[in-house]
Amino acid sequence: METAVNKLAAMFQKAQSDLDYIEHKLEFEMLKNLPQCTASQENPIKLLEQLRVIKSRYRDLCAEADQIAIERKESVDFIRTQLATTLQLVQKLQDQSDLK
């Protein structure tokens, strides 16, 4: 399970890197082609603003995914502890019933 979390984190990091690359590429292309833009085309500045909002939401999702992974691990650890305790109690009860 740990490898799946690491793999997911790596995918999020790659996506973040890809978004950064796209943002820089868009900025470069806009500066290069800005005089050629017509009124019928979408405003590239607004597109960049939207991209920044998407990146912010993406970072929030990454943080949330990390928190979920931490809480999941804590839950699994708690369940394992409770299960081990229950198994010990069952074993004690079985041992006591065999003695009587």
C-alpha atoms as a PDB file:
ATOM      1  CA  MET A   1       0.000   0.000   0.000  1.00  0.00           C
ATOM      2  CA  GLU A   2       2.922   2.280   0.771  1.00  0.00           C
ATOM      3  CA  THR A   3       4.146   1.899  -2.813  1.00  0.00           C
ATOM      4  CA  ALA A   4       0.736   2.908  -4.148  1.00  0.00           C
ATOM      5  CA  VAL A   5       0.824   6.095  -2.074  1.00  0.00           C
ATOM      6  CA  ASN A   6       4.358   6.845  -3.273  1.00  0.00           C
ATOM      7  CA  LYS A   7       3.312   6.195  -6.859  1.00  0.00           C
ATOM      8  CA  LEU A   8       0.335   8.544  -6.471  1.00  0.00           C
ATOM      9  CA  ALA A   9       2.574  11.232  -4.958  1.00  0.00           C
ATOM     10  CA  ALA A  10       4.981  10.878  -7.890  1.00  0.00           C
ATOM     11  CA  MET A  11       2.085  11.237 -10.325  1.00  0.00           C
ATOM     12  CA  PHE A  12       0.945  14.410  -8.542  1.00  0.00           C
ATOM     13  CA  GLN A  13       4.472  15.824  -8.698  1.00  0.00           C
ATOM     14  CA  LYS A  14       4.708  15.054 -12.415  1.00  0.00           C
ATOM     15  CA  ALA A  15       1.341  16.696 -13.040  1.00  0.00           C
ATOM     16  CA  GLN A  16       2.491  19.778 -11.102  1.00  0.00           C
ATOM     17  CA  SER A  17       5.641  19.929 -13.195  1.00  0.00           C
ATOM     18  CA  ASP A  18       3.595  19.572 -16.383  1.00  0.00           C
ATOM     19  CA  LEU A  19       1.298  22.415 -15.313  1.00  0.00           C
ATOM     20  CA  ASP A  20       4.300  24.643 -14.617  1.00  0.00           C
ATOM     21  CA  TYR A  21       5.717  23.841 -18.039  1.00  0.00           C
ATOM     22  CA  ILE A  22       2.394  24.602 -19.736  1.00  0.00           C
ATOM     23  CA  GLU A  23       2.102  27.895 -17.883  1.00  0.00           C
ATOM     24  CA  HIS A  24       5.580  29.026 -18.929  1.00  0.00           C
ATOM     25  CA  LYS A  25       5.030  27.861 -22.490  1.00  0.00           C
ATOM     26  CA  LEU A  26       1.735  29.785 -22.669  1.00  0.00           C
ATOM     27  CA  GLU A  27       3.332  32.926 -21.302  1.00  0.00           C
ATOM     28  CA  PHE A  28       6.123  32.677 -23.859  1.00  0.00           C
ATOM     29  CA  GLU A  29       3.716  32.057 -26.745  1.00  0.00           C
ATOM     30  CA  MET A  30       1.469  34.924 -25.649  1.00  0.00           C
ATOM     31  CA  LEU A  31       4.334  37.373 -25.464  1.00  0.00           C
ATOM     32  CA  LYS A  32       5.556  36.199 -28.838  1.00  0.00           C
ATOM     33  CA  ASN A  33       2.133  36.341 -30.537  1.00  0.00           C
ATOM     34  CA  LEU A  34       0.306  39.026 -28.566  1.00  0.00           C
ATOM     35  CA  PRO A  35       0.279  41.645 -31.356  1.00  0.00           C
ATOM     36  CA  GLN A  36      -1.248  39.060 -33.720  1.00  0.00           C
ATOM     37  CA  CYS A  37      -4.165  38.238 -31.397  1.00  0.00           C
ATOM     38  CA  THR A  38      -7.579  39.332 -32.598  1.00  0.00           C
ATOM     39  CA  ALA A  39     -10.642  40.279 -30.585  1.00  0.00           C
ATOM     40  CA  SER A  40     -12.384  37.033 -31.573  1.00  0.00           C
ATOM     41  CA  GLN A  41      -9.767  34.949 -29.772  1.00  0.00           C
ATOM     42  CA  GLU A  42      -9.955  34.249 -26.063  1.00  0.00           C
ATOM     43  CA  ASN A  43      -7.946  36.568 -23.857  1.00  0.00           C
ATOM     44  CA  PRO A  44      -4.649  34.817 -23.073  1.00  0.00           C
ATOM     45  CA  ILE A  45      -4.272  36.704 -19.806  1.00  0.00           C
ATOM     46  CA  LYS A  46      -7.585  35.256 -18.602  1.00  0.00           C
ATOM     47  CA  LEU A  47      -6.402  31.810 -19.641  1.00  0.00           C
ATOM     48  CA  LEU A  48      -3.293  32.238 -17.519  1.00  0.00           C
ATOM     49  CA  GLU A  49      -5.380  33.398 -14.578  1.00  0.00           C
ATOM     50  CA  GLN A  50      -7.569  30.326 -14.960  1.00  0.00           C
ATOM     51  CA  LEU A  51      -4.464  28.147 -15.118  1.00  0.00           C
ATOM     52  CA  ARG A  52      -3.227  29.681 -11.858  1.00  0.00           C
ATOM     53  CA  VAL A  53      -6.587  28.938 -10.223  1.00  0.00           C
ATOM     54  CA  ILE A  54      -6.404  25.352 -11.465  1.00  0.00           C
ATOM     55  CA  LYS A  55      -2.879  24.999 -10.107  1.00  0.00           C
ATOM     56  CA  SER A  56      -4.010  26.342  -6.744  1.00  0.00           C
ATOM     57  CA  ARG A  57      -6.889  23.876  -6.629  1.00  0.00           C
ATOM     58  CA  TYR A  58      -4.523  21.119  -7.650  1.00  0.00           C
ATOM     59  CA  ARG A  59      -2.155  21.970  -4.784  1.00  0.00           C
ATOM     60  CA  ASP A  60      -5.122  21.895  -2.409  1.00  0.00           C
ATOM     61  CA  LEU A  61      -6.092  18.459  -3.727  1.00  0.00           C
ATOM     62  CA  CYS A  62      -2.533  17.221  -3.253  1.00  0.00           C
ATOM     63  CA  ALA A  63      -2.524  18.426   0.342  1.00  0.00           C
ATOM     64  CA  GLU A  64      -5.901  16.800   0.913  1.00  0.00           C
ATOM     65  CA  ALA A  65      -4.687  13.534  -0.625  1.00  0.00           C
ATOM     66  CA  ASP A  66      -1.638  13.585   1.665  1.00  0.00           C
ATOM     67  CA  GLN A  67      -3.873  14.150   4.694  1.00  0.00           C
ATOM     68  CA  ILE A  68      -6.158  11.311   3.613  1.00  0.00           C
ATOM     69  CA  ALA A  69      -3.158   8.995   3.259  1.00  0.00           C
ATOM     70  CA  ILE A  70      -1.970   9.908   6.768  1.00  0.00           C
ATOM     71  CA  GLU A  71      -5.415   9.386   8.273  1.00  0.00           C
ATOM     72  CA  ARG A  72      -5.827   6.113   6.398  1.00  0.00           C
ATOM     73  CA  LYS A  73      -2.537   4.833   7.768  1.00  0.00           C
ATOM     74  CA  GLU A  74      -3.588   5.846  11.286  1.00  0.00           C
ATOM     75  CA  SER A  75      -6.912   4.053  10.827  1.00  0.00           C
ATOM     76  CA  VAL A  76      -5.252   0.891   9.557  1.00  0.00           C
ATOM     77  CA  ASP A  77      -2.808   0.939  12.479  1.00  0.00           C
ATOM     78  CA  PHE A  78      -5.665   1.385  14.957  1.00  0.00           C
ATOM     79  CA  ILE A  79      -7.679  -1.437  13.399  1.00  0.00           C
ATOM     80  CA  ARG A  80      -4.642  -3.727  13.483  1.00  0.00           C
ATOM     81  CA  THR A  81      -4.084  -2.930  17.155  1.00  0.00           C
ATOM     82  CA  GLN A  82      -7.721  -3.577  17.993  1.00  0.00           C
ATOM     83  CA  LEU A  83      -7.716  -6.805  16.026  1.00  0.00           C
ATOM     84  CA  ALA A  84      -4.571  -8.034  17.783  1.00  0.00           C
ATOM     85  CA  THR A  85      -6.123  -7.248  21.167  1.00  0.00           C
ATOM     86  CA  THR A  86      -9.325  -9.052  20.216  1.00  0.00           C
ATOM     87  CA  LEU A  87      -7.383 -12.092  19.046  1.00  0.00           C
ATOM     88  CA  GLN A  88      -5.481 -12.170  22.325  1.00  0.00           C
ATOM     89  CA  LEU A  89      -8.758 -12.029  24.270  1.00  0.00           C
ATOM     90  CA  VAL A  90     -10.249 -14.811  22.187  1.00  0.00           C
ATOM     91  CA  GLN A  91      -7.126 -16.908  22.737  1.00  0.00           C
ATOM     92  CA  LYS A  92      -7.335 -16.338  26.518  1.00  0.00           C
ATOM     93  CA  LEU A  93     -11.005 -17.287  26.537  1.00  0.00           C
ATOM     94  CA  GLN A  94     -10.270 -20.448  24.573  1.00  0.00           C
ATOM     95  CA  ASP A  95      -7.433 -21.349  26.931  1.00  0.00           C
ATOM     96  CA  GLN A  96      -9.644 -20.765  29.988  1.00  0.00           C
ATOM     97  CA  SER A  97     -12.498 -22.823  28.570  1.00  0.00           C
ATOM     98  CA  ASP A  98     -10.107 -25.712  27.870  1.00  0.00           C
ATOM     99  CA  LEU A  99      -8.896 -25.643  31.482  1.00  0.00           C
ATOM    100  CA  LYS A 100     -12.390 -25.929  32.939  1.00  0.00           C
END
